[in-house]
Every structure is written in C-alpha cells, then in structure tokens.
Amino acid sequence: MWAVRWYVAYPSSYRQLEEMMGERGVTVDHSTLNRWVIKYAPKFEKAFRRCQRPVGRSWRLDETYVKIKGKSAYLYRAVDKDGNTIDFLLTPTRDRDAAEAFLRKAILTQGLPEKITIDKSGSNTAAIQHYNQTHKTAIVIRQCKYLNNVVEQDHRAVKRLTRPMLGFKSFWAACCTSAGMEVMHAIRKGQLTSTENGPQTPVEQFYTLAA
C-alpha cells in the first residue's frame, strides 16, 4: 500500500520508488512495483466510488493527453463548478465517439448534469448533442473558455505526476495508473466520505480504502 500510494501521489519513477522502499527495509524490484500499481490502483478506484461525495450538476469537461509508447492518448476528465472530480476516461482517440463514451460513463456514475461547459471542441459538442438526441435529455451546452479554466487547471495535478514517468508502456498500464492518480487527487480535494470518528488526513483516507 505504501508503494501504490507513493507512486500515484508524488512525481516519481519506479526506480526512485524502489530506492524509497529500500530505505524502509523493503527490498523490491521496480518491475514488481509496476505490477503492484497496475493490480491495486483500480481496486482503490472501485472502493473510492462507493464512498465518493455527491458532485454538482454543472460540469466542466475537457481532455488532456498522456504518452503511451511515444504516442498520444487522451484523458477525458470532468469536474463540477467547485472543482470536484466527476469522472475520467482514457481513450486512444479524440473524437465524438470517445467524448460520448466518457459522457455515458460519467452520467452512469454521477447522474445527469444540468449543463456542461466545454471549450470550442467540435467533438465534445457533437457528443453532447448526440447524447441529448439519443436519450431525449436536455443537457445545456455552454462554450466558455473562462469558465472551463477550472478543469484545465485541474489537469495540472495529473500532468505533474505523469511527467517523471517518461510515458507509459501499455494502454492498460496507463488506465490503471491514471485511476490511482485520480483517486488520490480527489481525496486531497475532500471528496471521500469518511466513516471514521474525527478528521482524517488524505493519507489515512487512502489507506482506509484498502480495508
């Protein structure tokens, strides 16, 4: 649990993490650390979803890129107007189908939003319009770069962590690792409902997900 949290919480490489674990008396190879993160990070996300605080109905949606074997993949993310993480999805492409896949996932986990603020992205606009037509919904589309700064600034927390990783080796590894990073980021924003008596630090909250 140390290894998984440190990797998804702080900018570091697996070789640096190997040294950190060694300083605490745990001898483990960097490749094993990689397998641990890929195996357990999605489990932390699943546990987090069961305890996530409700989010607002006004969403900000945008995507950023991550490198996988030197090629760009796209991490779709949405936050509410207060900056709380709504959902995320890593996709190999950036088009209407990818944007709509993310929209369906976010609505499934968080419910239907009243409005979604986006930038001038044609694919995001088309995805929301198609979802409205298909599901007979009335999600309001608002294109305003100023209001969308909330999610664009929120991307920085993820980009700060992925930079020392020097790119992912597989799409699956990127999906699992990004899930862990998003969970730790959301916990720091106070999005985990605690069942313990008294306040808990983000570190303590992360470890309670393993219970």
N, C-alpha and C. Protein backbone atom coordinates (compact mmCIF):
# COMPACT_ATOMS: atom_id res chain seq x y z
N MET A 1 0.81 -1.20 0.00
CA MET A 1 0.00 0.00 0.00
C MET A 1 0.86 1.27 0.00
N TRP A 2 2.01 1.19 0.72
CA TRP A 2 2.96 2.31 0.65
C TRP A 2 3.31 2.60 -0.80
N ALA A 3 3.74 1.57 -1.50
CA ALA A 3 4.25 1.74 -2.85
C ALA A 3 3.19 2.31 -3.78
N VAL A 4 1.99 1.78 -3.71
CA VAL A 4 0.92 2.26 -4.60
C VAL A 4 0.61 3.72 -4.32
N ARG A 5 0.46 4.07 -3.04
CA ARG A 5 0.11 5.46 -2.73
C ARG A 5 1.22 6.42 -3.11
N TRP A 6 2.46 6.08 -2.78
CA TRP A 6 3.56 6.98 -3.12
C TRP A 6 3.62 7.23 -4.62
N TYR A 7 3.42 6.17 -5.41
CA TYR A 7 3.56 6.34 -6.86
C TYR A 7 2.46 7.19 -7.45
N VAL A 8 1.23 7.04 -6.95
CA VAL A 8 0.13 7.81 -7.52
C VAL A 8 -0.03 9.18 -6.85
N ALA A 9 0.73 9.42 -5.76
CA ALA A 9 0.60 10.68 -5.04
C ALA A 9 1.72 11.67 -5.35
N TYR A 10 2.89 11.18 -5.71
CA TYR A 10 4.05 12.06 -5.88
C TYR A 10 4.74 11.83 -7.22
N PRO A 11 5.33 12.87 -7.80
CA PRO A 11 6.06 12.71 -9.08
C PRO A 11 7.31 11.86 -8.86
N SER A 12 7.32 10.66 -9.36
CA SER A 12 8.46 9.78 -9.16
C SER A 12 8.45 8.68 -10.22
N SER A 13 9.62 8.06 -10.39
CA SER A 13 9.73 6.91 -11.29
C SER A 13 9.74 5.64 -10.45
N TYR A 14 9.60 4.50 -11.11
CA TYR A 14 9.63 3.24 -10.38
C TYR A 14 11.00 2.97 -9.76
N ARG A 15 12.06 3.41 -10.42
CA ARG A 15 13.40 3.20 -9.86
C ARG A 15 13.60 4.07 -8.61
N GLN A 16 13.05 5.28 -8.63
CA GLN A 16 13.11 6.11 -7.44
C GLN A 16 12.29 5.48 -6.31
N LEU A 17 11.15 4.92 -6.66
CA LEU A 17 10.30 4.27 -5.67
C LEU A 17 11.00 3.03 -5.09
N GLU A 18 11.73 2.33 -5.93
CA GLU A 18 12.50 1.17 -5.46
C GLU A 18 13.49 1.59 -4.37
N GLU A 19 14.17 2.73 -4.57
CA GLU A 19 15.11 3.24 -3.58
C GLU A 19 14.38 3.64 -2.29
N MET A 20 13.22 4.29 -2.43
CA MET A 20 12.45 4.72 -1.26
C MET A 20 12.01 3.53 -0.42
N MET A 21 11.57 2.47 -1.09
CA MET A 21 11.16 1.27 -0.37
C MET A 21 12.36 0.62 0.32
N GLY A 22 13.50 0.64 -0.35
CA GLY A 22 14.71 0.07 0.23
C GLY A 22 15.14 0.78 1.50
N GLU A 23 14.95 2.10 1.53
CA GLU A 23 15.30 2.88 2.72
C GLU A 23 14.43 2.49 3.92
N ARG A 24 13.27 1.91 3.65
CA ARG A 24 12.37 1.47 4.72
C ARG A 24 12.44 -0.03 4.96
N GLY A 25 13.49 -0.64 4.46
CA GLY A 25 13.74 -2.04 4.74
C GLY A 25 13.00 -3.02 3.86
N VAL A 26 12.41 -2.53 2.76
CA VAL A 26 11.67 -3.41 1.85
C VAL A 26 12.44 -3.53 0.55
N THR A 27 12.98 -4.70 0.27
CA THR A 27 13.72 -4.93 -0.97
C THR A 27 12.75 -5.42 -2.04
N VAL A 28 12.55 -4.61 -3.06
CA VAL A 28 11.60 -4.95 -4.11
C VAL A 28 12.07 -4.34 -5.43
N ASP A 29 11.93 -5.08 -6.50
CA ASP A 29 12.38 -4.63 -7.81
C ASP A 29 11.37 -3.65 -8.40
N HIS A 30 11.86 -2.72 -9.24
CA HIS A 30 10.98 -1.72 -9.83
C HIS A 30 9.90 -2.34 -10.72
N SER A 31 10.20 -3.47 -11.35
CA SER A 31 9.20 -4.13 -12.18
C SER A 31 8.06 -4.71 -11.34
N THR A 32 8.40 -5.17 -10.14
CA THR A 32 7.37 -5.66 -9.22
C THR A 32 6.49 -4.51 -8.74
N LEU A 33 7.10 -3.37 -8.48
CA LEU A 33 6.33 -2.19 -8.10
C LEU A 33 5.34 -1.81 -9.18
N ASN A 34 5.77 -1.92 -10.41
CA ASN A 34 4.89 -1.63 -11.54
C ASN A 34 3.69 -2.57 -11.55
N ARG A 35 3.92 -3.85 -11.29
CA ARG A 35 2.82 -4.82 -11.26
C ARG A 35 1.87 -4.53 -10.11
N TRP A 36 2.42 -4.10 -8.96
CA TRP A 36 1.57 -3.77 -7.82
C TRP A 36 0.62 -2.61 -8.15
N VAL A 37 1.16 -1.57 -8.75
CA VAL A 37 0.34 -0.40 -9.08
C VAL A 37 -0.76 -0.78 -10.07
N ILE A 38 -0.39 -1.53 -11.10
CA ILE A 38 -1.37 -1.93 -12.11
C ILE A 38 -2.47 -2.82 -11.50
N LYS A 39 -2.09 -3.66 -10.56
CA LYS A 39 -3.07 -4.57 -9.95
C LYS A 39 -3.97 -3.86 -8.94
N TYR A 40 -3.41 -3.01 -8.10
CA TYR A 40 -4.17 -2.49 -6.96
C TYR A 40 -4.78 -1.11 -7.17
N ALA A 41 -4.23 -0.29 -8.05
CA ALA A 41 -4.80 1.05 -8.24
C ALA A 41 -6.27 1.00 -8.67
N PRO A 42 -6.66 0.11 -9.60
CA PRO A 42 -8.09 0.04 -9.95
C PRO A 42 -8.97 -0.41 -8.79
N LYS A 43 -8.42 -1.20 -7.87
CA LYS A 43 -9.20 -1.62 -6.71
C LYS A 43 -9.46 -0.44 -5.78
N PHE A 44 -8.48 0.45 -5.66
CA PHE A 44 -8.69 1.65 -4.87
C PHE A 44 -9.77 2.54 -5.50
N GLU A 45 -9.76 2.61 -6.84
CA GLU A 45 -10.79 3.41 -7.50
C GLU A 45 -12.18 2.83 -7.23
N LYS A 46 -12.31 1.52 -7.32
CA LYS A 46 -13.60 0.88 -7.08
C LYS A 46 -14.09 1.16 -5.67
N ALA A 47 -13.18 1.08 -4.69
CA ALA A 47 -13.56 1.35 -3.31
C ALA A 47 -13.92 2.82 -3.13
N PHE A 48 -13.19 3.70 -3.80
CA PHE A 48 -13.47 5.13 -3.70
C PHE A 48 -14.85 5.47 -4.24
N ARG A 49 -15.25 4.84 -5.32
CA ARG A 49 -16.56 5.13 -5.93
C ARG A 49 -17.70 4.86 -4.95
N ARG A 50 -17.53 3.88 -4.09
CA ARG A 50 -18.59 3.55 -3.13
C ARG A 50 -18.72 4.61 -2.04
N CYS A 51 -17.66 5.40 -1.85
CA CYS A 51 -17.65 6.38 -0.75
C CYS A 51 -17.50 7.82 -1.24
N GLN A 52 -17.64 8.04 -2.54
CA GLN A 52 -17.43 9.37 -3.09
C GLN A 52 -18.58 10.31 -2.73
N ARG A 53 -18.25 11.53 -2.35
CA ARG A 53 -19.27 12.52 -2.03
C ARG A 53 -20.03 12.92 -3.30
N PRO A 54 -21.28 13.33 -3.19
CA PRO A 54 -22.04 13.79 -4.37
C PRO A 54 -21.38 15.01 -5.00
N VAL A 55 -21.54 15.13 -6.32
CA VAL A 55 -20.97 16.26 -7.06
C VAL A 55 -22.10 17.14 -7.58
N GLY A 56 -21.73 18.32 -8.07
CA GLY A 56 -22.70 19.27 -8.57
C GLY A 56 -23.24 18.89 -9.94
N ARG A 57 -24.27 19.59 -10.37
CA ARG A 57 -24.93 19.30 -11.65
C ARG A 57 -24.44 20.19 -12.79
N SER A 58 -23.52 21.10 -12.48
CA SER A 58 -22.91 21.93 -13.52
C SER A 58 -21.48 21.44 -13.73
N TRP A 59 -21.22 20.87 -14.91
CA TRP A 59 -19.94 20.21 -15.17
C TRP A 59 -19.05 21.04 -16.07
N ARG A 60 -17.74 20.84 -15.92
CA ARG A 60 -16.72 21.37 -16.84
C ARG A 60 -16.00 20.17 -17.44
N LEU A 61 -16.01 20.04 -18.75
CA LEU A 61 -15.46 18.86 -19.42
C LEU A 61 -14.33 19.27 -20.35
N ASP A 62 -13.25 18.50 -20.32
CA ASP A 62 -12.09 18.78 -21.18
C ASP A 62 -11.26 17.51 -21.25
N GLU A 63 -10.27 17.52 -22.13
CA GLU A 63 -9.36 16.38 -22.21
C GLU A 63 -7.93 16.88 -22.27
N THR A 64 -7.01 16.04 -21.79
CA THR A 64 -5.59 16.30 -21.89
C THR A 64 -4.94 15.05 -22.46
N TYR A 65 -3.66 15.11 -22.78
CA TYR A 65 -3.03 13.95 -23.41
C TYR A 65 -2.00 13.34 -22.47
N VAL A 66 -1.76 12.05 -22.64
CA VAL A 66 -0.67 11.33 -21.97
C VAL A 66 0.04 10.51 -23.04
N LYS A 67 1.31 10.24 -22.81
CA LYS A 67 2.11 9.49 -23.78
C LYS A 67 2.13 8.00 -23.44
N ILE A 68 1.83 7.18 -24.45
CA ILE A 68 1.90 5.73 -24.33
C ILE A 68 2.74 5.21 -25.48
N LYS A 69 3.91 4.68 -25.16
CA LYS A 69 4.87 4.23 -26.17
C LYS A 69 5.16 5.33 -27.19
N GLY A 70 5.29 6.54 -26.70
CA GLY A 70 5.63 7.67 -27.55
C GLY A 70 4.48 8.29 -28.32
N LYS A 71 3.29 7.70 -28.22
CA LYS A 71 2.13 8.22 -28.92
C LYS A 71 1.13 8.81 -27.93
N SER A 72 0.35 9.76 -28.41
CA SER A 72 -0.60 10.44 -27.53
C SER A 72 -1.88 9.63 -27.37
N ALA A 73 -2.33 9.52 -26.13
CA ALA A 73 -3.68 9.04 -25.81
C ALA A 73 -4.35 10.19 -25.07
N TYR A 74 -5.65 10.09 -24.86
CA TYR A 74 -6.38 11.25 -24.36
C TYR A 74 -7.15 10.90 -23.09
N LEU A 75 -6.90 11.70 -22.07
CA LEU A 75 -7.55 11.51 -20.78
C LEU A 75 -8.69 12.52 -20.67
N TYR A 76 -9.92 12.02 -20.85
CA TYR A 76 -11.11 12.86 -20.69
C TYR A 76 -11.40 12.99 -19.20
N ARG A 77 -11.69 14.22 -18.78
CA ARG A 77 -11.95 14.49 -17.37
C ARG A 77 -13.07 15.51 -17.24
N ALA A 78 -13.80 15.44 -16.15
CA ALA A 78 -14.82 16.43 -15.86
C ALA A 78 -14.80 16.75 -14.38
N VAL A 79 -15.00 18.03 -14.06
CA VAL A 79 -15.14 18.46 -12.67
C VAL A 79 -16.40 19.31 -12.58
N ASP A 80 -16.91 19.49 -11.36
CA ASP A 80 -18.05 20.39 -11.21
C ASP A 80 -17.54 21.82 -11.01
N LYS A 81 -18.43 22.77 -10.80
CA LYS A 81 -18.02 24.17 -10.73
C LYS A 81 -17.13 24.47 -9.53
N ASP A 82 -17.15 23.58 -8.53
CA ASP A 82 -16.29 23.74 -7.35
C ASP A 82 -14.96 23.02 -7.51
N GLY A 83 -14.75 22.37 -8.66
CA GLY A 83 -13.50 21.67 -8.90
C GLY A 83 -13.47 20.23 -8.46
N ASN A 84 -14.58 19.70 -7.98
CA ASN A 84 -14.63 18.30 -7.56
C ASN A 84 -14.60 17.37 -8.77
N THR A 85 -13.81 16.32 -8.69
CA THR A 85 -13.70 15.36 -9.78
C THR A 85 -15.01 14.61 -9.97
N ILE A 86 -15.50 14.60 -11.20
CA ILE A 86 -16.72 13.87 -11.53
C ILE A 86 -16.37 12.49 -12.06
N ASP A 87 -15.57 12.45 -13.11
CA ASP A 87 -15.15 11.17 -13.67
C ASP A 87 -14.00 11.40 -14.65
N PHE A 88 -13.46 10.31 -15.17
CA PHE A 88 -12.34 10.38 -16.11
C PHE A 88 -12.35 9.13 -16.97
N LEU A 89 -11.75 9.21 -18.13
CA LEU A 89 -11.67 8.05 -19.04
C LEU A 89 -10.51 8.26 -19.99
N LEU A 90 -9.63 7.27 -20.07
CA LEU A 90 -8.51 7.31 -21.01
C LEU A 90 -8.93 6.62 -22.30
N THR A 91 -8.73 7.30 -23.42
CA THR A 91 -9.11 6.76 -24.72
C THR A 91 -7.95 6.91 -25.70
N PRO A 92 -7.86 6.02 -26.70
CA PRO A 92 -6.77 6.14 -27.68
C PRO A 92 -7.00 7.24 -28.70
N THR A 93 -8.24 7.72 -28.83
CA THR A 93 -8.55 8.74 -29.84
C THR A 93 -9.27 9.92 -29.20
N ARG A 94 -9.32 11.00 -29.94
CA ARG A 94 -10.05 12.19 -29.50
C ARG A 94 -11.06 12.54 -30.60
N ASP A 95 -12.27 12.03 -30.45
CA ASP A 95 -13.32 12.26 -31.45
C ASP A 95 -14.68 12.19 -30.75
N ARG A 96 -15.75 12.23 -31.54
CA ARG A 96 -17.07 12.23 -30.95
C ARG A 96 -17.36 10.95 -30.18
N ASP A 97 -16.96 9.82 -30.75
CA ASP A 97 -17.23 8.55 -30.08
C ASP A 97 -16.53 8.47 -28.73
N ALA A 98 -15.28 8.94 -28.69
CA ALA A 98 -14.54 8.91 -27.42
C ALA A 98 -15.17 9.85 -26.40
N ALA A 99 -15.56 11.04 -26.85
CA ALA A 99 -16.19 12.00 -25.95
C ALA A 99 -17.53 11.48 -25.43
N GLU A 100 -18.29 10.81 -26.30
CA GLU A 100 -19.58 10.30 -25.86
C GLU A 100 -19.42 9.09 -24.94
N ALA A 101 -18.38 8.29 -25.16
CA ALA A 101 -18.11 7.17 -24.25
C ALA A 101 -17.82 7.69 -22.85
N PHE A 102 -17.05 8.77 -22.78
CA PHE A 102 -16.77 9.37 -21.48
C PHE A 102 -18.05 9.94 -20.87
N LEU A 103 -18.85 10.61 -21.67
CA LEU A 103 -20.09 11.21 -21.16
C LEU A 103 -21.02 10.14 -20.59
N ARG A 104 -21.17 9.03 -21.29
CA ARG A 104 -22.02 7.94 -20.80
C ARG A 104 -21.49 7.39 -19.47
N LYS A 105 -20.17 7.23 -19.39
CA LYS A 105 -19.56 6.71 -18.16
C LYS A 105 -19.80 7.67 -17.00
N ALA A 106 -19.61 8.96 -17.23
CA ALA A 106 -19.77 9.95 -16.16
C ALA A 106 -21.22 10.01 -15.68
N ILE A 107 -22.15 9.97 -16.62
CA ILE A 107 -23.57 10.03 -16.25
C ILE A 107 -23.99 8.76 -15.51
N LEU A 108 -23.44 7.63 -15.90
CA LEU A 108 -23.76 6.37 -15.22
C LEU A 108 -23.32 6.40 -13.76
N THR A 109 -22.17 7.00 -13.49
CA THR A 109 -21.65 7.01 -12.12
C THR A 109 -22.16 8.19 -11.30
N GLN A 110 -22.46 9.33 -11.96
CA GLN A 110 -22.78 10.54 -11.21
C GLN A 110 -24.16 11.11 -11.48
N GLY A 111 -24.89 10.57 -12.41
CA GLY A 111 -26.21 11.11 -12.72
C GLY A 111 -26.15 12.15 -13.82
N LEU A 112 -27.31 12.61 -14.23
CA LEU A 112 -27.43 13.53 -15.36
C LEU A 112 -27.12 14.97 -14.94
N PRO A 113 -26.23 15.66 -15.66
CA PRO A 113 -25.96 17.06 -15.33
C PRO A 113 -27.01 17.98 -15.95
N GLU A 114 -27.11 19.18 -15.40
CA GLU A 114 -28.00 20.17 -15.98
C GLU A 114 -27.32 20.88 -17.15
N LYS A 115 -26.04 21.17 -17.01
CA LYS A 115 -25.30 21.86 -18.06
C LYS A 115 -23.86 21.38 -18.06
N ILE A 116 -23.22 21.46 -19.22
CA ILE A 116 -21.82 21.09 -19.35
C ILE A 116 -21.10 22.23 -20.06
N THR A 117 -20.05 22.73 -19.44
CA THR A 117 -19.22 23.78 -20.04
C THR A 117 -18.03 23.13 -20.73
N ILE A 118 -17.80 23.49 -21.98
CA ILE A 118 -16.69 22.95 -22.76
C ILE A 118 -15.98 24.11 -23.46
N ASP A 119 -14.87 23.81 -24.12
CA ASP A 119 -14.21 24.81 -24.96
C ASP A 119 -14.83 24.74 -26.36
N LYS A 120 -14.10 25.12 -27.35
CA LYS A 120 -14.64 25.13 -28.72
C LYS A 120 -14.55 23.77 -29.42
N SER A 121 -14.29 22.72 -28.67
CA SER A 121 -14.13 21.39 -29.25
C SER A 121 -15.40 20.94 -29.98
N GLY A 122 -15.26 20.66 -31.26
CA GLY A 122 -16.40 20.18 -32.04
C GLY A 122 -16.83 18.79 -31.65
N SER A 123 -15.86 17.93 -31.28
CA SER A 123 -16.20 16.55 -30.92
C SER A 123 -16.99 16.50 -29.62
N ASN A 124 -16.63 17.33 -28.64
CA ASN A 124 -17.37 17.36 -27.38
C ASN A 124 -18.79 17.89 -27.59
N THR A 125 -18.91 18.92 -28.41
CA THR A 125 -20.24 19.46 -28.72
C THR A 125 -21.10 18.41 -29.40
N ALA A 126 -20.53 17.73 -30.39
CA ALA A 126 -21.28 16.71 -31.12
C ALA A 126 -21.68 15.55 -30.20
N ALA A 127 -20.80 15.20 -29.26
CA ALA A 127 -21.09 14.09 -28.36
C ALA A 127 -22.28 14.42 -27.45
N ILE A 128 -22.30 15.62 -26.91
CA ILE A 128 -23.41 16.01 -26.02
C ILE A 128 -24.71 16.12 -26.80
N GLN A 129 -24.63 16.70 -28.00
CA GLN A 129 -25.83 16.82 -28.83
C GLN A 129 -26.38 15.45 -29.19
N HIS A 130 -25.50 14.52 -29.55
CA HIS A 130 -25.94 13.17 -29.91
C HIS A 130 -26.53 12.46 -28.69
N TYR A 131 -25.94 12.66 -27.53
CA TYR A 131 -26.48 12.05 -26.32
C TYR A 131 -27.87 12.59 -26.03
N ASN A 132 -28.05 13.90 -26.17
CA ASN A 132 -29.37 14.51 -25.95
C ASN A 132 -30.42 13.93 -26.90
N GLN A 133 -30.03 13.78 -28.16
CA GLN A 133 -30.97 13.26 -29.16
C GLN A 133 -31.31 11.80 -28.90
N THR A 134 -30.30 11.01 -28.53
CA THR A 134 -30.50 9.58 -28.34
C THR A 134 -31.30 9.27 -27.08
N HIS A 135 -31.04 10.03 -26.01
CA HIS A 135 -31.65 9.72 -24.71
C HIS A 135 -32.77 10.70 -24.33
N LYS A 136 -33.11 11.59 -25.27
CA LYS A 136 -34.21 12.56 -25.03
C LYS A 136 -33.94 13.40 -23.78
N THR A 137 -32.70 13.80 -23.61
CA THR A 137 -32.32 14.65 -22.48
C THR A 137 -32.15 16.09 -22.97
N ALA A 138 -31.91 16.98 -22.03
CA ALA A 138 -31.79 18.40 -22.38
C ALA A 138 -30.60 19.02 -21.67
N ILE A 139 -29.43 18.39 -21.79
CA ILE A 139 -28.22 18.94 -21.20
C ILE A 139 -27.85 20.23 -21.94
N VAL A 140 -27.69 21.29 -21.20
CA VAL A 140 -27.33 22.57 -21.79
C VAL A 140 -25.84 22.59 -22.09
N ILE A 141 -25.47 22.98 -23.31
CA ILE A 141 -24.07 23.09 -23.72
C ILE A 141 -23.65 24.54 -23.61
N ARG A 142 -22.59 24.79 -22.86
CA ARG A 142 -22.09 26.15 -22.69
C ARG A 142 -20.62 26.18 -23.10
N GLN A 143 -20.30 26.97 -24.09
CA GLN A 143 -18.92 27.08 -24.57
C GLN A 143 -18.32 28.38 -24.03
N CYS A 144 -17.45 28.22 -23.05
CA CYS A 144 -16.84 29.39 -22.41
C CYS A 144 -15.48 28.99 -21.87
N LYS A 145 -14.43 29.45 -22.52
CA LYS A 145 -13.07 29.08 -22.11
C LYS A 145 -12.76 29.57 -20.71
N TYR A 146 -13.27 30.75 -20.34
CA TYR A 146 -13.01 31.28 -19.00
C TYR A 146 -13.57 30.36 -17.92
N LEU A 147 -14.81 29.92 -18.09
CA LEU A 147 -15.43 29.03 -17.10
C LEU A 147 -14.78 27.65 -17.11
N ASN A 148 -14.23 27.27 -18.27
CA ASN A 148 -13.61 25.94 -18.36
C ASN A 148 -12.19 25.91 -17.80
N ASN A 149 -11.70 27.06 -17.33
CA ASN A 149 -10.37 27.09 -16.72
C ASN A 149 -10.28 26.19 -15.49
N VAL A 150 -11.44 25.95 -14.85
CA VAL A 150 -11.45 25.10 -13.65
C VAL A 150 -10.89 23.72 -13.95
N VAL A 151 -11.37 23.10 -15.03
CA VAL A 151 -10.90 21.75 -15.36
C VAL A 151 -9.51 21.80 -16.00
N GLU A 152 -9.22 22.86 -16.76
CA GLU A 152 -7.89 22.96 -17.37
C GLU A 152 -6.81 23.10 -16.30
N GLN A 153 -7.10 23.86 -15.25
CA GLN A 153 -6.15 23.96 -14.14
C GLN A 153 -6.05 22.64 -13.39
N ASP A 154 -7.15 21.91 -13.31
CA ASP A 154 -7.16 20.64 -12.59
C ASP A 154 -6.32 19.59 -13.31
N HIS A 155 -6.16 19.72 -14.63
CA HIS A 155 -5.31 18.79 -15.38
C HIS A 155 -3.88 18.79 -14.83
N ARG A 156 -3.45 19.92 -14.31
CA ARG A 156 -2.05 20.07 -13.91
C ARG A 156 -1.64 19.06 -12.84
N ALA A 157 -2.56 18.70 -11.97
CA ALA A 157 -2.24 17.72 -10.93
C ALA A 157 -1.87 16.38 -11.53
N VAL A 158 -2.55 15.99 -12.61
CA VAL A 158 -2.26 14.72 -13.29
C VAL A 158 -0.98 14.84 -14.11
N LYS A 159 -0.82 15.94 -14.84
CA LYS A 159 0.37 16.12 -15.68
C LYS A 159 1.64 16.17 -14.83
N ARG A 160 1.54 16.74 -13.64
CA ARG A 160 2.70 16.83 -12.75
C ARG A 160 3.20 15.44 -12.35
N LEU A 161 2.28 14.50 -12.23
CA LEU A 161 2.64 13.14 -11.84
C LEU A 161 3.16 12.32 -13.01
N THR A 162 2.60 12.53 -14.20
CA THR A 162 2.99 11.69 -15.35
C THR A 162 4.32 12.11 -15.95
N ARG A 163 4.75 13.33 -15.71
CA ARG A 163 5.99 13.82 -16.33
C ARG A 163 7.21 12.97 -15.96
N PRO A 164 7.46 12.65 -14.68
CA PRO A 164 8.64 11.83 -14.36
C PRO A 164 8.52 10.38 -14.82
N MET A 165 7.32 9.95 -15.18
CA MET A 165 7.12 8.55 -15.59
C MET A 165 7.66 8.28 -16.99
N LEU A 166 7.92 9.32 -17.74
CA LEU A 166 8.51 9.21 -19.08
C LEU A 166 7.67 8.36 -20.03
N GLY A 167 6.37 8.46 -19.88
CA GLY A 167 5.47 7.73 -20.77
C GLY A 167 5.15 6.34 -20.25
N PHE A 168 3.99 5.85 -20.63
CA PHE A 168 3.56 4.52 -20.22
C PHE A 168 3.95 3.50 -21.29
N LYS A 169 4.08 2.24 -20.85
CA LYS A 169 4.50 1.18 -21.77
C LYS A 169 3.32 0.47 -22.41
N SER A 170 2.12 0.62 -21.84
CA SER A 170 0.94 -0.01 -22.43
C SER A 170 -0.30 0.80 -22.06
N PHE A 171 -1.34 0.64 -22.87
CA PHE A 171 -2.58 1.36 -22.62
C PHE A 171 -3.21 0.92 -21.30
N TRP A 172 -3.14 -0.38 -21.01
CA TRP A 172 -3.72 -0.90 -19.77
C TRP A 172 -3.00 -0.33 -18.55
N ALA A 173 -1.67 -0.26 -18.61
CA ALA A 173 -0.91 0.30 -17.50
C ALA A 173 -1.29 1.76 -17.29
N ALA A 174 -1.48 2.49 -18.37
CA ALA A 174 -1.87 3.90 -18.27
C ALA A 174 -3.24 4.06 -17.64
N CYS A 175 -4.18 3.19 -18.02
CA CYS A 175 -5.53 3.23 -17.45
C CYS A 175 -5.50 2.99 -15.95
N CYS A 176 -4.77 1.96 -15.54
CA CYS A 176 -4.72 1.60 -14.12
C CYS A 176 -4.03 2.68 -13.30
N THR A 177 -2.91 3.17 -13.80
CA THR A 177 -2.15 4.17 -13.06
C THR A 177 -2.91 5.48 -12.96
N SER A 178 -3.53 5.90 -14.05
CA SER A 178 -4.29 7.16 -14.02
C SER A 178 -5.47 7.06 -13.05
N ALA A 179 -6.05 5.87 -12.91
CA ALA A 179 -7.14 5.67 -11.95
C ALA A 179 -6.65 5.95 -10.53
N GLY A 180 -5.47 5.44 -10.20
CA GLY A 180 -4.90 5.68 -8.87
C GLY A 180 -4.59 7.14 -8.64
N MET A 181 -4.05 7.81 -9.65
CA MET A 181 -3.73 9.23 -9.53
C MET A 181 -5.00 10.06 -9.33
N GLU A 182 -6.04 9.73 -10.06
CA GLU A 182 -7.29 10.48 -9.94
C GLU A 182 -7.91 10.29 -8.55
N VAL A 183 -7.84 9.09 -8.02
CA VAL A 183 -8.39 8.82 -6.70
C VAL A 183 -7.64 9.63 -5.64
N MET A 184 -6.31 9.60 -5.68
CA MET A 184 -5.53 10.35 -4.70
C MET A 184 -5.81 11.84 -4.82
N HIS A 185 -5.93 12.33 -6.03
CA HIS A 185 -6.21 13.75 -6.27
C HIS A 185 -7.58 14.13 -5.72
N ALA A 186 -8.57 13.27 -5.94
CA ALA A 186 -9.93 13.54 -5.43
C ALA A 186 -9.97 13.50 -3.91
N ILE A 187 -9.24 12.58 -3.30
CA ILE A 187 -9.19 12.51 -1.84
C ILE A 187 -8.60 13.79 -1.27
N ARG A 188 -7.57 14.30 -1.90
CA ARG A 188 -6.97 15.56 -1.43
C ARG A 188 -7.95 16.72 -1.53
N LYS A 189 -8.91 16.61 -2.44
CA LYS A 189 -9.91 17.66 -2.59
C LYS A 189 -11.09 17.46 -1.63
N GLY A 190 -11.00 16.44 -0.78
CA GLY A 190 -12.03 16.22 0.23
C GLY A 190 -13.26 15.51 -0.29
N GLN A 191 -13.11 14.64 -1.29
CA GLN A 191 -14.27 14.01 -1.91
C GLN A 191 -14.61 12.63 -1.36
N LEU A 192 -13.89 12.19 -0.34
CA LEU A 192 -14.16 10.87 0.23
C LEU A 192 -15.00 11.02 1.50
N THR A 193 -16.10 10.31 1.54
CA THR A 193 -16.94 10.29 2.74
C THR A 193 -16.30 9.38 3.78
N SER A 194 -15.91 9.94 4.91
CA SER A 194 -15.22 9.16 5.94
C SER A 194 -16.22 8.53 6.90
N THR A 195 -15.97 7.29 7.27
CA THR A 195 -16.81 6.59 8.25
C THR A 195 -16.14 6.56 9.61
N GLU A 196 -14.94 7.13 9.71
CA GLU A 196 -14.20 7.12 10.97
C GLU A 196 -14.62 8.30 11.83
N ASN A 197 -14.42 8.16 13.13
CA ASN A 197 -14.69 9.26 14.06
C ASN A 197 -13.53 10.25 14.01
N GLY A 198 -13.84 11.52 13.83
CA GLY A 198 -12.81 12.54 13.79
C GLY A 198 -12.22 12.70 12.40
N PRO A 199 -11.52 13.81 12.17
CA PRO A 199 -10.93 14.08 10.85
C PRO A 199 -9.79 13.13 10.53
N GLN A 200 -9.63 12.86 9.25
CA GLN A 200 -8.53 12.02 8.77
C GLN A 200 -7.74 12.78 7.72
N THR A 201 -6.44 12.53 7.67
CA THR A 201 -5.61 13.11 6.63
C THR A 201 -5.87 12.39 5.31
N PRO A 202 -5.51 13.00 4.17
CA PRO A 202 -5.65 12.28 2.89
C PRO A 202 -4.93 10.94 2.88
N VAL A 203 -3.79 10.86 3.54
CA VAL A 203 -3.05 9.60 3.61
C VAL A 203 -3.88 8.53 4.32
N GLU A 204 -4.42 8.89 5.47
CA GLU A 204 -5.25 7.96 6.23
C GLU A 204 -6.48 7.54 5.44
N GLN A 205 -7.08 8.49 4.75
CA GLN A 205 -8.26 8.18 3.96
C GLN A 205 -7.95 7.20 2.84
N PHE A 206 -6.80 7.38 2.20
CA PHE A 206 -6.41 6.46 1.12
C PHE A 206 -6.28 5.04 1.65
N TYR A 207 -5.63 4.90 2.81
CA TYR A 207 -5.42 3.56 3.35
C TYR A 207 -6.71 2.91 3.85
N THR A 208 -7.70 3.72 4.22
CA THR A 208 -8.97 3.11 4.65
C THR A 208 -9.66 2.42 3.47
N LEU A 209 -9.34 2.82 2.25
CA LEU A 209 -9.94 2.18 1.07
C LEU A 209 -9.48 0.74 0.92
N ALA A 210 -8.36 0.41 1.54
CA ALA A 210 -7.85 -0.96 1.45
C ALA A 210 -8.53 -1.90 2.43
N ALA A 211 -9.30 -1.34 3.36
CA ALA A 211 -9.94 -2.17 4.38
C ALA A 211 -11.02 -3.05 3.77
